[in-house]
């Protein structure tokens, strides 16, 4: 965090090149978060650029009361929500009869890719509030407190939403008859 504050101060003093350090440090994490929220690579790429541009122009509003990356995630989260509201709702597609193979064969690798795609579809079908906490916790590995800062929620609310998200995902996976192996893989 100290590194971020030093870069921010350099940017505020007119050294625009210092902002590249912040972008390079967080661009992959922001892109992955947006990709998992939106499900489309090009949209995630475009929004990631918008997030960093917006953050640059709003850098004076960053007070340092939270970590820079949670402030940046908040901007990304708000932008992703705006984009999702603009879109039509995503519908879940049930996938049946998927099994895990015990050995790595071309067939098992292909099956694992299909299961991962199915899981992404099921996660995308979750309500936005559940999907967001699930992604921030499991793909970005943020703490409850950090997720709370991003979403402007108390950590207890984050914990409840995460519990409900896992429960809902477990129900969806069980209903689509593929749950067993994915439950173990996801620890849900």
N, C-alpha and C. Protein backbone atom coordinates (compact mmCIF):
# COMPACT_ATOMS: atom_id res chain seq x y z
N UNK A 1 0.84 -1.20 0.00
CA UNK A 1 0.00 0.00 0.00
C UNK A 1 0.88 1.25 0.00
N UNK A 2 2.01 1.18 0.71
CA UNK A 2 2.91 2.32 0.77
C UNK A 2 3.39 2.69 -0.64
N UNK A 3 3.66 1.66 -1.42
CA UNK A 3 4.08 1.85 -2.80
C UNK A 3 3.01 2.60 -3.59
N UNK A 4 1.74 2.20 -3.39
CA UNK A 4 0.63 2.84 -4.09
C UNK A 4 0.52 4.31 -3.71
N UNK A 5 0.64 4.58 -2.42
CA UNK A 5 0.53 5.97 -1.96
C UNK A 5 1.64 6.84 -2.54
N UNK A 6 2.84 6.29 -2.65
CA UNK A 6 3.95 7.04 -3.22
C UNK A 6 3.69 7.34 -4.70
N UNK A 7 3.17 6.35 -5.42
CA UNK A 7 2.85 6.56 -6.84
C UNK A 7 1.73 7.59 -6.99
N UNK A 8 0.73 7.49 -6.14
CA UNK A 8 -0.39 8.43 -6.20
C UNK A 8 0.10 9.85 -5.95
N UNK A 9 0.96 9.99 -4.97
CA UNK A 9 1.50 11.33 -4.67
C UNK A 9 2.30 11.88 -5.84
N UNK A 10 3.07 11.02 -6.49
CA UNK A 10 3.83 11.46 -7.67
C UNK A 10 2.90 11.91 -8.80
N UNK A 11 1.80 11.17 -8.98
CA UNK A 11 0.81 11.54 -10.02
C UNK A 11 0.19 12.89 -9.66
N UNK A 12 -0.16 13.06 -8.41
CA UNK A 12 -0.78 14.31 -7.97
C UNK A 12 0.16 15.51 -8.13
N UNK A 13 1.46 15.25 -8.09
CA UNK A 13 2.45 16.31 -8.27
C UNK A 13 2.76 16.57 -9.75
N UNK A 14 2.02 15.90 -10.63
CA UNK A 14 2.16 16.17 -12.06
C UNK A 14 2.96 15.15 -12.84
N UNK A 15 3.45 14.12 -12.19
CA UNK A 15 4.24 13.09 -12.88
C UNK A 15 3.27 12.02 -13.41
N UNK A 16 2.71 12.29 -14.57
CA UNK A 16 1.69 11.41 -15.13
C UNK A 16 2.19 10.00 -15.41
N UNK A 17 3.49 9.86 -15.68
CA UNK A 17 4.05 8.54 -15.97
C UNK A 17 3.96 7.60 -14.77
N UNK A 18 3.90 8.16 -13.57
CA UNK A 18 3.81 7.34 -12.36
C UNK A 18 2.50 6.55 -12.33
N UNK A 19 1.48 7.04 -13.01
CA UNK A 19 0.21 6.35 -13.03
C UNK A 19 0.33 5.00 -13.74
N UNK A 20 1.27 4.90 -14.67
CA UNK A 20 1.50 3.63 -15.36
C UNK A 20 1.88 2.53 -14.38
N UNK A 21 2.58 2.88 -13.31
CA UNK A 21 2.91 1.89 -12.30
C UNK A 21 1.68 1.30 -11.63
N UNK A 22 0.72 2.16 -11.35
CA UNK A 22 -0.54 1.68 -10.76
C UNK A 22 -1.33 0.84 -11.75
N UNK A 23 -1.37 1.29 -12.99
CA UNK A 23 -2.08 0.54 -14.02
C UNK A 23 -1.46 -0.83 -14.19
N UNK A 24 -0.14 -0.88 -14.32
CA UNK A 24 0.54 -2.17 -14.51
C UNK A 24 0.33 -3.10 -13.33
N UNK A 25 0.28 -2.55 -12.14
CA UNK A 25 0.12 -3.36 -10.94
C UNK A 25 -1.26 -4.00 -10.86
N UNK A 26 -2.30 -3.29 -11.31
CA UNK A 26 -3.67 -3.75 -11.10
C UNK A 26 -4.44 -4.11 -12.37
N UNK A 27 -3.87 -3.90 -13.54
CA UNK A 27 -4.65 -4.09 -14.77
C UNK A 27 -5.15 -5.52 -14.93
N UNK A 28 -4.33 -6.50 -14.59
CA UNK A 28 -4.77 -7.88 -14.76
C UNK A 28 -5.90 -8.23 -13.79
N UNK A 29 -5.76 -7.82 -12.53
CA UNK A 29 -6.79 -8.13 -11.54
C UNK A 29 -8.12 -7.46 -11.88
N UNK A 30 -8.06 -6.22 -12.34
CA UNK A 30 -9.29 -5.52 -12.71
C UNK A 30 -9.92 -6.18 -13.94
N UNK A 31 -9.08 -6.52 -14.93
CA UNK A 31 -9.60 -7.18 -16.13
C UNK A 31 -10.27 -8.51 -15.76
N UNK A 32 -9.61 -9.34 -14.94
CA UNK A 32 -10.17 -10.64 -14.56
C UNK A 32 -11.50 -10.46 -13.83
N UNK A 33 -11.53 -9.50 -12.91
CA UNK A 33 -12.77 -9.23 -12.19
C UNK A 33 -13.89 -8.84 -13.15
N UNK A 34 -13.60 -7.91 -14.06
CA UNK A 34 -14.61 -7.47 -15.00
C UNK A 34 -15.02 -8.59 -15.96
N UNK A 35 -14.06 -9.38 -16.39
CA UNK A 35 -14.38 -10.51 -17.28
C UNK A 35 -15.32 -11.48 -16.59
N UNK A 36 -15.04 -11.76 -15.33
CA UNK A 36 -15.90 -12.70 -14.61
C UNK A 36 -17.25 -12.10 -14.29
N UNK A 37 -17.32 -10.81 -14.14
CA UNK A 37 -18.61 -10.15 -13.91
C UNK A 37 -19.44 -10.11 -15.19
N UNK A 38 -18.78 -9.84 -16.31
CA UNK A 38 -19.50 -9.59 -17.56
C UNK A 38 -19.55 -10.81 -18.48
N UNK A 39 -18.54 -11.66 -18.40
CA UNK A 39 -18.52 -12.86 -19.22
C UNK A 39 -18.03 -12.66 -20.64
N UNK A 40 -17.56 -11.48 -20.98
CA UNK A 40 -17.10 -11.22 -22.34
C UNK A 40 -15.76 -10.48 -22.29
N UNK A 41 -14.77 -11.05 -22.98
CA UNK A 41 -13.41 -10.52 -22.93
C UNK A 41 -13.32 -9.08 -23.45
N UNK A 42 -13.93 -8.81 -24.58
CA UNK A 42 -13.82 -7.47 -25.17
C UNK A 42 -14.48 -6.42 -24.28
N UNK A 43 -15.64 -6.74 -23.73
CA UNK A 43 -16.30 -5.81 -22.82
C UNK A 43 -15.45 -5.56 -21.58
N UNK A 44 -14.84 -6.63 -21.06
CA UNK A 44 -13.99 -6.48 -19.87
C UNK A 44 -12.78 -5.61 -20.18
N UNK A 45 -12.21 -5.80 -21.34
CA UNK A 45 -11.05 -4.99 -21.75
C UNK A 45 -11.44 -3.52 -21.88
N UNK A 46 -12.55 -3.27 -22.54
CA UNK A 46 -13.01 -1.89 -22.71
C UNK A 46 -13.31 -1.22 -21.37
N UNK A 47 -14.01 -1.96 -20.51
CA UNK A 47 -14.37 -1.39 -19.21
C UNK A 47 -13.14 -1.19 -18.33
N UNK A 48 -12.17 -2.09 -18.42
CA UNK A 48 -10.95 -1.92 -17.63
C UNK A 48 -10.26 -0.61 -18.01
N UNK A 49 -10.21 -0.33 -19.29
CA UNK A 49 -9.62 0.94 -19.73
C UNK A 49 -10.42 2.12 -19.18
N UNK A 50 -11.73 2.02 -19.23
CA UNK A 50 -12.57 3.09 -18.70
C UNK A 50 -12.35 3.28 -17.20
N UNK A 51 -12.19 2.17 -16.48
CA UNK A 51 -11.97 2.23 -15.04
C UNK A 51 -10.69 2.99 -14.73
N UNK A 52 -9.61 2.66 -15.44
CA UNK A 52 -8.34 3.33 -15.17
C UNK A 52 -8.36 4.80 -15.59
N UNK A 53 -9.08 5.10 -16.64
CA UNK A 53 -9.21 6.51 -17.03
C UNK A 53 -10.00 7.28 -15.98
N UNK A 54 -11.11 6.69 -15.56
CA UNK A 54 -11.94 7.35 -14.54
C UNK A 54 -11.15 7.52 -13.24
N UNK A 55 -10.43 6.48 -12.84
CA UNK A 55 -9.63 6.55 -11.61
C UNK A 55 -8.58 7.65 -11.72
N UNK A 56 -7.97 7.79 -12.88
CA UNK A 56 -6.95 8.82 -13.06
C UNK A 56 -7.55 10.21 -12.84
N UNK A 57 -8.69 10.46 -13.45
CA UNK A 57 -9.31 11.77 -13.33
C UNK A 57 -9.94 12.01 -11.97
N UNK A 58 -10.20 10.95 -11.21
CA UNK A 58 -10.77 11.10 -9.87
C UNK A 58 -9.76 10.83 -8.77
N UNK A 59 -8.50 10.75 -9.13
CA UNK A 59 -7.46 10.44 -8.16
C UNK A 59 -7.43 11.42 -6.99
N UNK A 60 -7.82 12.65 -7.23
CA UNK A 60 -7.85 13.63 -6.14
C UNK A 60 -8.90 13.29 -5.08
N UNK A 61 -9.89 12.46 -5.45
CA UNK A 61 -10.91 12.09 -4.48
C UNK A 61 -10.47 10.92 -3.60
N UNK A 62 -9.37 10.26 -3.96
CA UNK A 62 -8.86 9.15 -3.15
C UNK A 62 -8.22 9.74 -1.90
N UNK A 63 -8.80 9.40 -0.75
CA UNK A 63 -8.35 10.00 0.51
C UNK A 63 -7.29 9.17 1.23
N UNK A 64 -7.15 7.92 0.85
CA UNK A 64 -6.21 7.05 1.54
C UNK A 64 -6.80 6.37 2.76
N UNK A 65 -8.10 6.56 3.01
CA UNK A 65 -8.74 5.92 4.15
C UNK A 65 -8.96 4.42 3.90
N UNK A 66 -8.87 4.00 2.66
CA UNK A 66 -8.92 2.59 2.31
C UNK A 66 -7.71 2.30 1.43
N UNK A 67 -7.53 1.06 1.09
CA UNK A 67 -6.43 0.72 0.19
C UNK A 67 -6.80 1.18 -1.22
N UNK A 68 -5.79 1.51 -2.00
CA UNK A 68 -6.03 1.99 -3.36
C UNK A 68 -6.77 0.94 -4.19
N UNK A 69 -6.35 -0.33 -4.06
CA UNK A 69 -6.99 -1.34 -4.91
C UNK A 69 -8.45 -1.54 -4.57
N UNK A 70 -8.87 -1.36 -3.30
CA UNK A 70 -10.30 -1.48 -3.00
C UNK A 70 -11.06 -0.29 -3.58
N UNK A 71 -10.44 0.87 -3.58
CA UNK A 71 -11.04 2.05 -4.21
C UNK A 71 -11.19 1.82 -5.71
N UNK A 72 -10.16 1.25 -6.31
CA UNK A 72 -10.18 0.96 -7.75
C UNK A 72 -11.22 -0.11 -8.07
N UNK A 73 -11.30 -1.15 -7.23
CA UNK A 73 -12.32 -2.19 -7.42
C UNK A 73 -13.71 -1.60 -7.32
N UNK A 74 -13.89 -0.65 -6.45
CA UNK A 74 -15.20 -0.01 -6.31
C UNK A 74 -15.60 0.66 -7.61
N UNK A 75 -14.66 1.34 -8.22
CA UNK A 75 -14.94 1.98 -9.52
C UNK A 75 -15.28 0.90 -10.55
N UNK A 76 -14.49 -0.19 -10.57
CA UNK A 76 -14.74 -1.28 -11.52
C UNK A 76 -16.09 -1.92 -11.26
N UNK A 77 -16.41 -2.14 -10.00
CA UNK A 77 -17.69 -2.74 -9.64
C UNK A 77 -18.85 -1.87 -10.13
N UNK A 78 -18.79 -0.59 -9.84
CA UNK A 78 -19.87 0.32 -10.25
C UNK A 78 -20.03 0.34 -11.77
N UNK A 79 -18.90 0.34 -12.46
CA UNK A 79 -18.95 0.37 -13.93
C UNK A 79 -19.53 -0.94 -14.47
N UNK A 80 -19.16 -2.07 -13.85
CA UNK A 80 -19.70 -3.37 -14.27
C UNK A 80 -21.21 -3.44 -14.03
N UNK A 81 -21.66 -2.93 -12.91
CA UNK A 81 -23.10 -2.92 -12.61
C UNK A 81 -23.84 -2.08 -13.63
N UNK A 82 -23.29 -0.93 -13.98
CA UNK A 82 -23.92 -0.09 -15.01
C UNK A 82 -24.05 -0.87 -16.32
N UNK A 83 -23.00 -1.58 -16.67
CA UNK A 83 -23.01 -2.36 -17.92
C UNK A 83 -24.03 -3.49 -17.84
N UNK A 84 -24.09 -4.18 -16.71
CA UNK A 84 -25.04 -5.29 -16.57
C UNK A 84 -26.48 -4.80 -16.60
N UNK A 85 -26.73 -3.63 -16.05
CA UNK A 85 -28.09 -3.07 -16.09
C UNK A 85 -28.50 -2.72 -17.50
N UNK A 86 -27.52 -2.35 -18.29
CA UNK A 86 -27.78 -1.99 -19.68
C UNK A 86 -28.14 -3.23 -20.50
N UNK A 87 -27.62 -4.36 -20.08
CA UNK A 87 -27.84 -5.62 -20.81
C UNK A 87 -29.13 -6.30 -20.37
N UNK A 88 -29.49 -7.31 -21.15
CA UNK A 88 -30.60 -8.17 -20.75
C UNK A 88 -30.08 -9.18 -19.73
N UNK A 89 -30.94 -9.72 -18.88
CA UNK A 89 -30.49 -10.71 -17.90
C UNK A 89 -29.92 -11.96 -18.57
N UNK A 90 -28.92 -12.55 -17.93
CA UNK A 90 -28.31 -13.79 -18.42
C UNK A 90 -29.14 -14.96 -17.91
N UNK A 91 -29.42 -15.90 -18.77
CA UNK A 91 -30.19 -17.07 -18.37
C UNK A 91 -29.27 -18.25 -18.18
N UNK A 92 -29.60 -19.09 -17.21
CA UNK A 92 -28.83 -20.29 -16.92
C UNK A 92 -29.15 -21.36 -17.94
N UNK A 93 -28.12 -22.07 -18.36
CA UNK A 93 -28.30 -23.18 -19.27
C UNK A 93 -27.92 -24.45 -18.52
N UNK A 94 -28.89 -25.34 -18.24
CA UNK A 94 -28.55 -26.56 -17.50
C UNK A 94 -27.70 -27.49 -18.35
N UNK A 95 -26.69 -28.04 -17.73
CA UNK A 95 -25.82 -29.01 -18.38
C UNK A 95 -26.00 -30.32 -17.63
N UNK A 96 -26.25 -31.41 -18.36
CA UNK A 96 -26.53 -32.69 -17.73
C UNK A 96 -25.44 -33.70 -18.02
N UNK A 97 -25.35 -34.68 -17.15
CA UNK A 97 -24.50 -35.85 -17.33
C UNK A 97 -23.02 -35.56 -17.49
N UNK A 98 -22.48 -34.62 -16.71
CA UNK A 98 -21.04 -34.39 -16.73
C UNK A 98 -20.41 -35.16 -15.57
N UNK A 99 -19.27 -35.79 -15.82
CA UNK A 99 -18.57 -36.53 -14.78
C UNK A 99 -17.10 -36.13 -14.80
N UNK A 100 -16.43 -36.29 -13.67
CA UNK A 100 -15.00 -36.02 -13.60
C UNK A 100 -14.23 -37.28 -13.93
N UNK A 101 -13.20 -37.16 -14.73
CA UNK A 101 -12.32 -38.28 -15.03
C UNK A 101 -11.17 -38.26 -14.02
N UNK A 102 -10.67 -39.46 -13.67
CA UNK A 102 -9.59 -39.54 -12.68
C UNK A 102 -8.22 -39.31 -13.28
N UNK A 103 -8.07 -39.46 -14.57
CA UNK A 103 -6.76 -39.29 -15.21
C UNK A 103 -6.82 -38.17 -16.23
N UNK A 104 -5.66 -37.65 -16.52
CA UNK A 104 -5.59 -36.58 -17.51
C UNK A 104 -5.45 -37.17 -18.91
N UNK A 105 -6.55 -37.26 -19.56
CA UNK A 105 -6.58 -37.70 -20.95
C UNK A 105 -7.14 -36.54 -21.76
N UNK A 106 -7.00 -36.57 -23.06
CA UNK A 106 -7.60 -35.50 -23.86
C UNK A 106 -9.10 -35.36 -23.59
N UNK A 107 -9.76 -36.49 -23.37
CA UNK A 107 -11.19 -36.44 -23.08
C UNK A 107 -11.47 -35.79 -21.73
N UNK A 108 -10.64 -36.12 -20.72
CA UNK A 108 -10.87 -35.54 -19.39
C UNK A 108 -10.55 -34.05 -19.39
N UNK A 109 -9.55 -33.65 -20.16
CA UNK A 109 -9.21 -32.23 -20.27
C UNK A 109 -10.37 -31.48 -20.93
N UNK A 110 -10.90 -32.04 -21.98
CA UNK A 110 -12.04 -31.43 -22.68
C UNK A 110 -13.25 -31.36 -21.75
N UNK A 111 -13.47 -32.42 -21.01
CA UNK A 111 -14.59 -32.46 -20.06
C UNK A 111 -14.41 -31.39 -18.98
N UNK A 112 -13.18 -31.26 -18.48
CA UNK A 112 -12.92 -30.25 -17.45
C UNK A 112 -13.19 -28.85 -17.99
N UNK A 113 -12.84 -28.62 -19.25
CA UNK A 113 -13.11 -27.31 -19.87
C UNK A 113 -14.61 -27.08 -19.99
N UNK A 114 -15.34 -28.12 -20.35
CA UNK A 114 -16.79 -28.00 -20.44
C UNK A 114 -17.39 -27.71 -19.07
N UNK A 115 -16.87 -28.38 -18.04
CA UNK A 115 -17.38 -28.16 -16.69
C UNK A 115 -17.07 -26.75 -16.22
N UNK A 116 -15.88 -26.27 -16.54
CA UNK A 116 -15.51 -24.90 -16.17
C UNK A 116 -16.42 -23.90 -16.87
N UNK A 117 -16.71 -24.15 -18.14
CA UNK A 117 -17.61 -23.27 -18.88
C UNK A 117 -19.01 -23.31 -18.27
N UNK A 118 -19.45 -24.51 -17.90
CA UNK A 118 -20.76 -24.65 -17.27
C UNK A 118 -20.81 -23.90 -15.94
N UNK A 119 -19.74 -24.04 -15.18
CA UNK A 119 -19.68 -23.35 -13.90
C UNK A 119 -19.73 -21.84 -14.10
N UNK A 120 -18.99 -21.33 -15.09
CA UNK A 120 -19.03 -19.89 -15.38
C UNK A 120 -20.45 -19.45 -15.73
N UNK A 121 -21.15 -20.27 -16.52
CA UNK A 121 -22.53 -19.94 -16.88
C UNK A 121 -23.41 -19.89 -15.64
N UNK A 122 -23.24 -20.85 -14.75
CA UNK A 122 -24.05 -20.90 -13.54
C UNK A 122 -23.74 -19.71 -12.63
N UNK A 123 -22.46 -19.34 -12.53
CA UNK A 123 -22.09 -18.19 -11.72
C UNK A 123 -22.67 -16.92 -12.34
N UNK A 124 -22.60 -16.81 -13.66
CA UNK A 124 -23.15 -15.63 -14.34
C UNK A 124 -24.66 -15.54 -14.15
N UNK A 125 -25.31 -16.67 -13.93
CA UNK A 125 -26.76 -16.67 -13.76
C UNK A 125 -27.18 -16.28 -12.34
N UNK A 126 -26.24 -16.25 -11.41
CA UNK A 126 -26.57 -15.84 -10.04
C UNK A 126 -26.98 -14.37 -10.03
N UNK A 127 -27.79 -13.97 -9.06
CA UNK A 127 -28.09 -12.54 -8.92
C UNK A 127 -26.78 -11.76 -8.74
N UNK A 128 -26.75 -10.56 -9.24
CA UNK A 128 -25.53 -9.74 -9.25
C UNK A 128 -24.91 -9.61 -7.87
N UNK A 129 -25.69 -9.42 -6.83
CA UNK A 129 -25.13 -9.23 -5.48
C UNK A 129 -24.42 -10.48 -5.00
N UNK A 130 -24.91 -11.66 -5.37
CA UNK A 130 -24.26 -12.91 -4.99
C UNK A 130 -23.02 -13.15 -5.85
N UNK A 131 -23.17 -12.94 -7.15
CA UNK A 131 -22.06 -13.17 -8.09
C UNK A 131 -20.86 -12.30 -7.71
N UNK A 132 -21.12 -11.06 -7.36
CA UNK A 132 -20.03 -10.14 -7.05
C UNK A 132 -19.23 -10.58 -5.84
N UNK A 133 -19.90 -10.91 -4.74
CA UNK A 133 -19.16 -11.33 -3.54
C UNK A 133 -18.42 -12.64 -3.78
N UNK A 134 -19.04 -13.54 -4.54
CA UNK A 134 -18.41 -14.82 -4.85
C UNK A 134 -17.13 -14.60 -5.67
N UNK A 135 -17.20 -13.75 -6.67
CA UNK A 135 -16.03 -13.48 -7.50
C UNK A 135 -14.94 -12.74 -6.74
N UNK A 136 -15.32 -11.75 -5.97
CA UNK A 136 -14.30 -11.01 -5.21
C UNK A 136 -13.61 -11.91 -4.19
N UNK A 137 -14.35 -12.82 -3.61
CA UNK A 137 -13.77 -13.70 -2.59
C UNK A 137 -12.92 -14.80 -3.23
N UNK A 138 -13.46 -15.48 -4.23
CA UNK A 138 -12.79 -16.68 -4.74
C UNK A 138 -11.85 -16.43 -5.91
N UNK A 139 -12.06 -15.41 -6.69
CA UNK A 139 -11.14 -15.17 -7.80
C UNK A 139 -10.14 -14.07 -7.47
N UNK A 140 -10.54 -13.11 -6.68
CA UNK A 140 -9.64 -12.01 -6.33
C UNK A 140 -9.05 -12.19 -4.93
N UNK A 141 -9.58 -13.17 -4.18
CA UNK A 141 -9.10 -13.51 -2.85
C UNK A 141 -9.09 -12.33 -1.89
N UNK A 142 -10.14 -11.50 -1.97
CA UNK A 142 -10.26 -10.38 -1.04
C UNK A 142 -10.87 -10.85 0.27
N UNK A 143 -10.52 -10.20 1.35
CA UNK A 143 -11.10 -10.51 2.65
C UNK A 143 -12.52 -9.94 2.72
N UNK A 144 -13.27 -10.35 3.74
CA UNK A 144 -14.61 -9.81 3.92
C UNK A 144 -14.56 -8.30 4.08
N UNK A 145 -13.57 -7.83 4.81
CA UNK A 145 -13.43 -6.39 5.03
C UNK A 145 -13.17 -5.67 3.71
N UNK A 146 -12.26 -6.22 2.88
CA UNK A 146 -11.94 -5.59 1.60
C UNK A 146 -13.14 -5.62 0.66
N UNK A 147 -13.86 -6.73 0.65
CA UNK A 147 -15.07 -6.81 -0.18
C UNK A 147 -16.07 -5.77 0.30
N UNK A 148 -16.19 -5.63 1.61
CA UNK A 148 -17.09 -4.62 2.17
C UNK A 148 -16.72 -3.22 1.73
N UNK A 149 -15.42 -2.94 1.65
CA UNK A 149 -14.98 -1.62 1.19
C UNK A 149 -15.33 -1.40 -0.27
N UNK A 150 -15.16 -2.44 -1.08
CA UNK A 150 -15.48 -2.34 -2.51
C UNK A 150 -16.97 -2.11 -2.71
N UNK A 151 -17.78 -2.87 -1.98
CA UNK A 151 -19.23 -2.83 -2.17
C UNK A 151 -19.94 -1.87 -1.23
N UNK A 152 -19.20 -1.23 -0.36
CA UNK A 152 -19.76 -0.32 0.63
C UNK A 152 -20.78 -1.05 1.51
N UNK A 153 -20.34 -2.20 2.05
CA UNK A 153 -21.17 -3.03 2.91
C UNK A 153 -20.39 -3.40 4.16
N UNK A 154 -21.08 -3.66 5.27
CA UNK A 154 -20.38 -4.16 6.45
C UNK A 154 -19.90 -5.60 6.19
N UNK A 155 -18.79 -6.01 6.81
CA UNK A 155 -18.28 -7.37 6.60
C UNK A 155 -19.29 -8.47 6.92
N UNK A 156 -20.16 -8.25 7.90
CA UNK A 156 -21.17 -9.25 8.23
C UNK A 156 -22.14 -9.47 7.07
N UNK A 157 -22.50 -8.39 6.40
CA UNK A 157 -23.38 -8.51 5.23
C UNK A 157 -22.68 -9.25 4.10
N UNK A 158 -21.40 -8.97 3.93
CA UNK A 158 -20.60 -9.68 2.92
C UNK A 158 -20.61 -11.17 3.22
N UNK A 159 -20.41 -11.52 4.47
CA UNK A 159 -20.39 -12.93 4.87
C UNK A 159 -21.73 -13.60 4.59
N UNK A 160 -22.82 -12.93 4.89
CA UNK A 160 -24.15 -13.49 4.64
C UNK A 160 -24.38 -13.66 3.14
N UNK A 161 -24.02 -12.66 2.35
CA UNK A 161 -24.20 -12.77 0.90
C UNK A 161 -23.35 -13.89 0.31
N UNK A 162 -22.15 -14.05 0.83
CA UNK A 162 -21.28 -15.12 0.35
C UNK A 162 -21.88 -16.48 0.69
N UNK A 163 -22.40 -16.62 1.89
CA UNK A 163 -23.06 -17.86 2.29
C UNK A 163 -24.25 -18.16 1.35
N UNK A 164 -25.06 -17.14 1.13
CA UNK A 164 -26.23 -17.33 0.26
C UNK A 164 -25.83 -17.61 -1.18
N UNK A 165 -24.77 -16.99 -1.65
CA UNK A 165 -24.28 -17.23 -3.02
C UNK A 165 -23.84 -18.67 -3.17
N UNK A 166 -23.09 -19.15 -2.20
CA UNK A 166 -22.63 -20.55 -2.26
C UNK A 166 -23.81 -21.51 -2.20
N UNK A 167 -24.77 -21.20 -1.34
CA UNK A 167 -25.95 -22.05 -1.21
C UNK A 167 -26.73 -22.09 -2.52
N UNK A 168 -26.94 -20.92 -3.11
CA UNK A 168 -27.68 -20.83 -4.38
C UNK A 168 -26.94 -21.58 -5.48
N UNK A 169 -25.62 -21.41 -5.54
CA UNK A 169 -24.82 -22.10 -6.56
C UNK A 169 -24.89 -23.61 -6.34
N UNK A 170 -24.82 -24.04 -5.10
CA UNK A 170 -24.93 -25.47 -4.79
C UNK A 170 -26.28 -26.00 -5.27
N UNK A 171 -27.36 -25.25 -5.03
CA UNK A 171 -28.69 -25.68 -5.46
C UNK A 171 -28.77 -25.78 -6.97
N UNK A 172 -28.22 -24.80 -7.66
CA UNK A 172 -28.25 -24.80 -9.13
C UNK A 172 -27.46 -25.97 -9.68
N UNK A 173 -26.29 -26.21 -9.10
CA UNK A 173 -25.45 -27.32 -9.58
C UNK A 173 -26.11 -28.66 -9.31
N UNK A 174 -26.74 -28.79 -8.17
CA UNK A 174 -27.44 -30.03 -7.85
C UNK A 174 -28.62 -30.23 -8.79
N UNK A 175 -29.35 -29.17 -9.07
CA UNK A 175 -30.51 -29.26 -9.96
C UNK A 175 -30.10 -29.64 -11.37
N UNK A 176 -28.91 -29.25 -11.78
CA UNK A 176 -28.48 -29.58 -13.14
C UNK A 176 -27.77 -30.92 -13.20
N UNK A 177 -27.80 -31.66 -12.08
CA UNK A 177 -27.27 -33.02 -11.99
C UNK A 177 -25.77 -33.12 -12.28
N UNK A 178 -25.05 -32.05 -12.06
CA UNK A 178 -23.62 -32.12 -12.25
C UNK A 178 -22.88 -31.80 -10.97
N UNK A 179 -23.63 -31.59 -9.92
CA UNK A 179 -23.07 -31.03 -8.71
C UNK A 179 -21.97 -31.77 -8.01
N UNK A 180 -22.01 -33.09 -7.94
CA UNK A 180 -21.08 -33.82 -7.12
C UNK A 180 -19.63 -33.40 -7.26
N UNK A 181 -19.07 -33.56 -8.42
CA UNK A 181 -17.67 -33.22 -8.63
C UNK A 181 -17.39 -31.75 -8.48
N UNK A 182 -18.28 -30.91 -8.95
CA UNK A 182 -18.07 -29.47 -8.85
C UNK A 182 -18.18 -29.01 -7.41
N UNK A 183 -19.04 -29.64 -6.63
CA UNK A 183 -19.15 -29.26 -5.21
C UNK A 183 -17.81 -29.44 -4.53
N UNK A 184 -17.18 -30.59 -4.78
CA UNK A 184 -15.89 -30.87 -4.15
C UNK A 184 -14.83 -29.89 -4.67
N UNK A 185 -14.84 -29.64 -5.95
CA UNK A 185 -13.84 -28.75 -6.56
C UNK A 185 -13.97 -27.35 -5.97
N UNK A 186 -15.18 -26.89 -5.75
CA UNK A 186 -15.41 -25.53 -5.28
C UNK A 186 -15.47 -25.43 -3.77
N UNK A 187 -15.52 -26.58 -3.10
CA UNK A 187 -15.64 -26.59 -1.64
C UNK A 187 -16.91 -25.85 -1.21
N UNK A 188 -18.05 -26.18 -1.88
CA UNK A 188 -19.33 -25.56 -1.51
C UNK A 188 -20.30 -26.62 -1.04
